[in-house]
Amino acid sequence: MELNAIYDKGRVKFIQPVRFVRDRINIRIVVSDDDVVPMKNGQSEPMEARKSTFPYDLEGQSQRLRERLDRIRHAPLPPNDAIPPLTEKQTGRMEAFAHRGDLRRER
């Protein structure tokens, strides 16, 4: 039987729903030579260059998050007079966290 599927970021997705008799079967995939990266030492070159076990989509997302956090970490602090005063709610939350810390130290 011939089934059509799409390779999408490390996964093969069948175009139409299909149900197999067993959970594990052998599948032959025919792909154009132009769509395949030559193998080197049993792995494709992009996987060796990445040295990561994350799928491509997760790695890209995690990289964007790391870059965003780095921009926040390295951003200069605003001058003290530019910081607005704490609201009553913020002050209450800070007091609650301090009280919780005191309770944990007493244990």
N, C-alpha and C. Protein backbone atom coordinates (compact mmCIF):
# COMPACT_ATOMS: atom_id res chain seq x y z
N MET A 1 0.84 -1.18 0.00
CA MET A 1 0.00 0.00 0.00
C MET A 1 0.88 1.24 0.00
N GLU A 2 0.46 2.25 -0.69
CA GLU A 2 1.21 3.49 -0.75
C GLU A 2 0.43 4.56 0.02
N LEU A 3 1.13 5.21 0.99
CA LEU A 3 0.51 6.25 1.80
C LEU A 3 1.29 7.55 1.63
N ASN A 4 0.62 8.67 1.64
CA ASN A 4 1.28 9.96 1.54
C ASN A 4 1.43 10.56 2.93
N ALA A 5 2.60 11.17 3.15
CA ALA A 5 2.87 11.78 4.44
C ALA A 5 3.74 13.01 4.24
N ILE A 6 3.83 13.82 5.28
CA ILE A 6 4.68 15.01 5.26
C ILE A 6 5.65 14.92 6.43
N TYR A 7 6.92 15.16 6.14
CA TYR A 7 7.93 15.23 7.19
C TYR A 7 7.93 16.66 7.72
N ASP A 8 7.69 16.81 9.04
CA ASP A 8 7.60 18.14 9.64
C ASP A 8 8.39 18.17 10.94
N LYS A 9 9.57 18.77 10.88
CA LYS A 9 10.41 18.98 12.07
C LYS A 9 10.62 17.71 12.87
N GLY A 10 11.05 16.66 12.21
CA GLY A 10 11.40 15.43 12.90
C GLY A 10 10.28 14.41 13.01
N ARG A 11 9.12 14.72 12.49
CA ARG A 11 8.00 13.79 12.58
C ARG A 11 7.38 13.56 11.21
N VAL A 12 6.94 12.35 10.98
CA VAL A 12 6.25 12.01 9.75
C VAL A 12 4.76 12.03 10.06
N LYS A 13 4.00 12.87 9.34
CA LYS A 13 2.57 12.99 9.56
C LYS A 13 1.84 12.53 8.30
N PHE A 14 0.97 11.56 8.46
CA PHE A 14 0.21 11.07 7.32
C PHE A 14 -0.83 12.10 6.92
N ILE A 15 -1.04 12.24 5.62
CA ILE A 15 -1.98 13.23 5.11
C ILE A 15 -3.41 12.82 5.46
N GLN A 16 -3.71 11.55 5.32
CA GLN A 16 -5.02 11.03 5.70
C GLN A 16 -4.84 10.13 6.91
N PRO A 17 -5.83 10.07 7.80
CA PRO A 17 -5.71 9.19 8.98
C PRO A 17 -5.50 7.74 8.54
N VAL A 18 -4.64 7.06 9.26
CA VAL A 18 -4.34 5.67 8.96
C VAL A 18 -4.22 4.92 10.28
N ARG A 19 -4.69 3.67 10.29
CA ARG A 19 -4.61 2.83 11.49
C ARG A 19 -3.92 1.54 11.10
N PHE A 20 -2.84 1.22 11.82
CA PHE A 20 -2.08 0.02 11.51
C PHE A 20 -2.52 -1.14 12.40
N VAL A 21 -2.27 -2.37 11.91
CA VAL A 21 -2.65 -3.58 12.64
C VAL A 21 -1.78 -3.73 13.90
N ARG A 22 -0.49 -3.37 13.80
CA ARG A 22 0.43 -3.49 14.93
C ARG A 22 0.96 -2.12 15.31
N ASP A 23 1.50 -2.01 16.52
CA ASP A 23 2.07 -0.74 16.98
C ASP A 23 3.40 -0.43 16.32
N ARG A 24 4.12 -1.45 15.89
CA ARG A 24 5.43 -1.25 15.29
C ARG A 24 5.50 -1.97 13.94
N ILE A 25 5.76 -1.19 12.87
CA ILE A 25 5.87 -1.78 11.53
C ILE A 25 7.05 -1.14 10.81
N ASN A 26 7.52 -1.79 9.78
CA ASN A 26 8.58 -1.23 8.93
C ASN A 26 7.93 -0.37 7.84
N ILE A 27 8.54 0.76 7.58
CA ILE A 27 8.05 1.68 6.56
C ILE A 27 9.19 2.05 5.64
N ARG A 28 8.93 2.12 4.34
CA ARG A 28 9.91 2.59 3.37
C ARG A 28 9.50 3.98 2.94
N ILE A 29 10.44 4.91 2.98
CA ILE A 29 10.16 6.29 2.61
C ILE A 29 11.01 6.64 1.40
N VAL A 30 10.39 7.17 0.37
CA VAL A 30 11.10 7.57 -0.84
C VAL A 30 11.15 9.10 -0.86
N VAL A 31 12.38 9.64 -0.89
CA VAL A 31 12.58 11.09 -0.84
C VAL A 31 13.55 11.49 -1.93
N SER A 32 13.36 12.67 -2.49
CA SER A 32 14.26 13.19 -3.51
C SER A 32 15.64 13.42 -2.90
N ASP A 33 16.70 13.18 -3.66
CA ASP A 33 18.06 13.41 -3.18
C ASP A 33 18.30 14.87 -2.79
N ASP A 34 17.59 15.78 -3.42
CA ASP A 34 17.74 17.20 -3.11
C ASP A 34 17.22 17.57 -1.73
N ASP A 35 16.35 16.72 -1.16
CA ASP A 35 15.75 17.01 0.13
C ASP A 35 16.47 16.34 1.30
N VAL A 36 17.60 15.68 1.05
CA VAL A 36 18.31 14.94 2.10
C VAL A 36 19.71 15.50 2.28
N VAL A 37 20.10 15.70 3.55
CA VAL A 37 21.46 16.13 3.86
C VAL A 37 22.32 14.87 3.93
N PRO A 38 23.49 14.86 3.26
CA PRO A 38 24.34 13.66 3.31
C PRO A 38 24.71 13.28 4.75
N MET A 39 24.76 11.98 5.01
CA MET A 39 25.06 11.48 6.35
C MET A 39 26.57 11.47 6.59
N LYS A 40 26.94 11.69 7.84
CA LYS A 40 28.34 11.66 8.23
C LYS A 40 28.44 10.95 9.57
N ASN A 41 29.16 9.85 9.65
CA ASN A 41 29.34 9.08 10.88
C ASN A 41 28.00 8.65 11.49
N GLY A 42 27.04 8.26 10.67
CA GLY A 42 25.78 7.77 11.18
C GLY A 42 24.79 8.85 11.59
N GLN A 43 25.15 10.12 11.49
CA GLN A 43 24.23 11.20 11.82
C GLN A 43 24.26 12.24 10.72
N SER A 44 23.17 12.99 10.62
CA SER A 44 23.16 14.06 9.63
C SER A 44 23.99 15.22 10.15
N GLU A 45 24.57 16.00 9.29
CA GLU A 45 25.42 17.11 9.68
C GLU A 45 24.72 18.13 10.58
N PRO A 46 23.46 18.51 10.29
CA PRO A 46 22.83 19.48 11.18
C PRO A 46 22.71 19.00 12.61
N MET A 47 22.44 17.71 12.82
CA MET A 47 22.34 17.19 14.19
C MET A 47 23.69 17.26 14.88
N GLU A 48 24.79 16.97 14.18
CA GLU A 48 26.12 17.06 14.79
C GLU A 48 26.45 18.49 15.15
N ALA A 49 26.09 19.42 14.30
CA ALA A 49 26.40 20.83 14.56
C ALA A 49 25.61 21.34 15.75
N ARG A 50 24.39 20.88 15.91
CA ARG A 50 23.54 21.36 17.01
C ARG A 50 23.97 20.79 18.35
N LYS A 51 24.34 19.51 18.39
CA LYS A 51 24.66 18.80 19.62
C LYS A 51 23.55 18.96 20.65
N SER A 52 22.31 18.78 20.23
CA SER A 52 21.16 18.92 21.10
C SER A 52 20.22 17.77 20.86
N THR A 53 19.46 17.40 21.89
CA THR A 53 18.47 16.34 21.74
C THR A 53 17.07 16.91 21.53
N PHE A 54 16.91 18.25 21.55
CA PHE A 54 15.61 18.87 21.34
C PHE A 54 15.24 18.82 19.88
N PRO A 55 13.95 18.65 19.58
CA PRO A 55 13.52 18.81 18.19
C PRO A 55 13.80 20.24 17.73
N TYR A 56 13.89 20.43 16.42
CA TYR A 56 14.23 21.75 15.87
C TYR A 56 13.31 22.85 16.38
N ASP A 57 11.99 22.60 16.43
CA ASP A 57 11.07 23.66 16.83
C ASP A 57 11.27 24.06 18.29
N LEU A 58 11.54 23.10 19.17
CA LEU A 58 11.78 23.42 20.58
C LEU A 58 13.12 24.12 20.76
N GLU A 59 14.10 23.71 20.00
CA GLU A 59 15.41 24.35 20.13
C GLU A 59 15.34 25.81 19.70
N GLY A 60 14.64 26.10 18.63
CA GLY A 60 14.49 27.48 18.18
C GLY A 60 13.73 28.32 19.20
N GLN A 61 12.68 27.74 19.75
CA GLN A 61 11.90 28.46 20.76
C GLN A 61 12.73 28.71 22.01
N SER A 62 13.49 27.70 22.46
CA SER A 62 14.31 27.89 23.66
C SER A 62 15.42 28.91 23.40
N GLN A 63 15.97 28.93 22.20
CA GLN A 63 17.00 29.91 21.88
C GLN A 63 16.44 31.33 21.93
N ARG A 64 15.23 31.52 21.40
CA ARG A 64 14.60 32.84 21.44
C ARG A 64 14.34 33.27 22.89
N LEU A 65 13.90 32.34 23.72
CA LEU A 65 13.67 32.67 25.13
C LEU A 65 14.97 33.02 25.85
N ARG A 66 16.05 32.28 25.56
CA ARG A 66 17.36 32.59 26.17
C ARG A 66 17.82 33.98 25.76
N GLU A 67 17.66 34.31 24.48
CA GLU A 67 18.05 35.65 24.01
C GLU A 67 17.23 36.74 24.69
N ARG A 68 15.94 36.49 24.84
CA ARG A 68 15.07 37.47 25.50
C ARG A 68 15.50 37.67 26.96
N LEU A 69 15.76 36.57 27.66
CA LEU A 69 16.20 36.67 29.05
C LEU A 69 17.55 37.37 29.16
N ASP A 70 18.45 37.10 28.23
CA ASP A 70 19.75 37.78 28.25
C ASP A 70 19.59 39.28 28.06
N ARG A 71 18.68 39.69 27.16
CA ARG A 71 18.44 41.13 26.98
C ARG A 71 17.92 41.76 28.27
N ILE A 72 17.03 41.04 28.98
CA ILE A 72 16.49 41.56 30.24
C ILE A 72 17.59 41.61 31.31
N ARG A 73 18.39 40.53 31.40
CA ARG A 73 19.45 40.48 32.41
C ARG A 73 20.49 41.58 32.22
N HIS A 74 20.81 41.89 30.99
CA HIS A 74 21.89 42.83 30.69
C HIS A 74 21.40 44.26 30.46
N ALA A 75 20.10 44.46 30.58
CA ALA A 75 19.57 45.81 30.39
C ALA A 75 19.99 46.70 31.57
N PRO A 76 20.32 47.95 31.31
CA PRO A 76 20.71 48.84 32.41
C PRO A 76 19.53 49.11 33.33
N LEU A 77 19.81 49.28 34.62
CA LEU A 77 18.75 49.59 35.58
C LEU A 77 18.33 51.05 35.42
N PRO A 78 17.05 51.32 35.62
CA PRO A 78 16.61 52.71 35.52
C PRO A 78 17.10 53.50 36.74
N PRO A 79 17.22 54.80 36.62
CA PRO A 79 17.61 55.59 37.78
C PRO A 79 16.54 55.51 38.87
N ASN A 80 16.95 55.64 40.12
CA ASN A 80 16.03 55.49 41.26
C ASN A 80 14.85 56.45 41.18
N ASP A 81 15.08 57.66 40.72
CA ASP A 81 13.98 58.62 40.67
C ASP A 81 12.96 58.31 39.56
N ALA A 82 13.32 57.40 38.64
CA ALA A 82 12.40 57.01 37.57
C ALA A 82 11.52 55.83 37.97
N ILE A 83 11.84 55.18 39.11
CA ILE A 83 11.06 54.03 39.56
C ILE A 83 9.85 54.53 40.34
N PRO A 84 8.64 54.12 39.95
CA PRO A 84 7.45 54.59 40.68
C PRO A 84 7.40 53.95 42.07
N PRO A 85 6.74 54.59 43.02
CA PRO A 85 6.62 54.00 44.36
C PRO A 85 5.79 52.73 44.31
N LEU A 86 6.03 51.84 45.28
CA LEU A 86 5.29 50.57 45.35
C LEU A 86 3.83 50.83 45.69
N THR A 87 2.96 50.04 45.07
CA THR A 87 1.54 50.13 45.40
C THR A 87 1.28 49.40 46.70
N GLU A 88 0.10 49.60 47.23
CA GLU A 88 -0.27 48.92 48.48
C GLU A 88 -0.28 47.40 48.28
N LYS A 89 -0.74 46.96 47.13
CA LYS A 89 -0.78 45.52 46.83
C LYS A 89 0.63 44.95 46.77
N GLN A 90 1.56 45.65 46.09
CA GLN A 90 2.94 45.18 46.00
C GLN A 90 3.59 45.12 47.38
N THR A 91 3.35 46.13 48.21
CA THR A 91 3.91 46.14 49.56
C THR A 91 3.37 44.96 50.37
N GLY A 92 2.07 44.71 50.25
CA GLY A 92 1.46 43.57 50.96
C GLY A 92 2.05 42.25 50.52
N ARG A 93 2.29 42.10 49.23
CA ARG A 93 2.88 40.85 48.73
C ARG A 93 4.30 40.67 49.24
N MET A 94 5.06 41.75 49.25
CA MET A 94 6.44 41.65 49.75
C MET A 94 6.45 41.26 51.22
N GLU A 95 5.54 41.83 52.01
CA GLU A 95 5.44 41.48 53.43
C GLU A 95 5.03 40.02 53.59
N ALA A 96 4.12 39.54 52.76
CA ALA A 96 3.68 38.14 52.84
C ALA A 96 4.83 37.19 52.52
N PHE A 97 5.63 37.50 51.51
CA PHE A 97 6.79 36.65 51.18
C PHE A 97 7.80 36.66 52.32
N ALA A 98 8.03 37.82 52.92
CA ALA A 98 8.97 37.90 54.05
C ALA A 98 8.45 37.08 55.22
N HIS A 99 7.15 37.16 55.49
CA HIS A 99 6.57 36.39 56.59
C HIS A 99 6.69 34.89 56.33
N ARG A 100 6.43 34.48 55.09
CA ARG A 100 6.57 33.06 54.74
C ARG A 100 8.01 32.60 54.92
N GLY A 101 8.96 33.43 54.55
CA GLY A 101 10.37 33.09 54.75
C GLY A 101 10.70 32.94 56.21
N ASP A 102 10.15 33.82 57.07
CA ASP A 102 10.38 33.71 58.51
C ASP A 102 9.81 32.41 59.05
N LEU A 103 8.61 32.04 58.59
CA LEU A 103 7.98 30.80 59.05
C LEU A 103 8.81 29.59 58.63
N ARG A 104 9.35 29.59 57.46
CA ARG A 104 10.17 28.46 57.00
C ARG A 104 11.46 28.35 57.80
N ARG A 105 12.04 29.47 58.15
CA ARG A 105 13.28 29.44 58.95
C ARG A 105 13.02 28.91 60.35
N GLU A 106 11.83 29.14 60.89
CA GLU A 106 11.49 28.69 62.25
C GLU A 106 11.33 27.18 62.32
N ARG A 107 11.04 26.54 61.21
CA ARG A 107 10.85 25.07 61.21
C ARG A 107 12.08 24.37 61.50
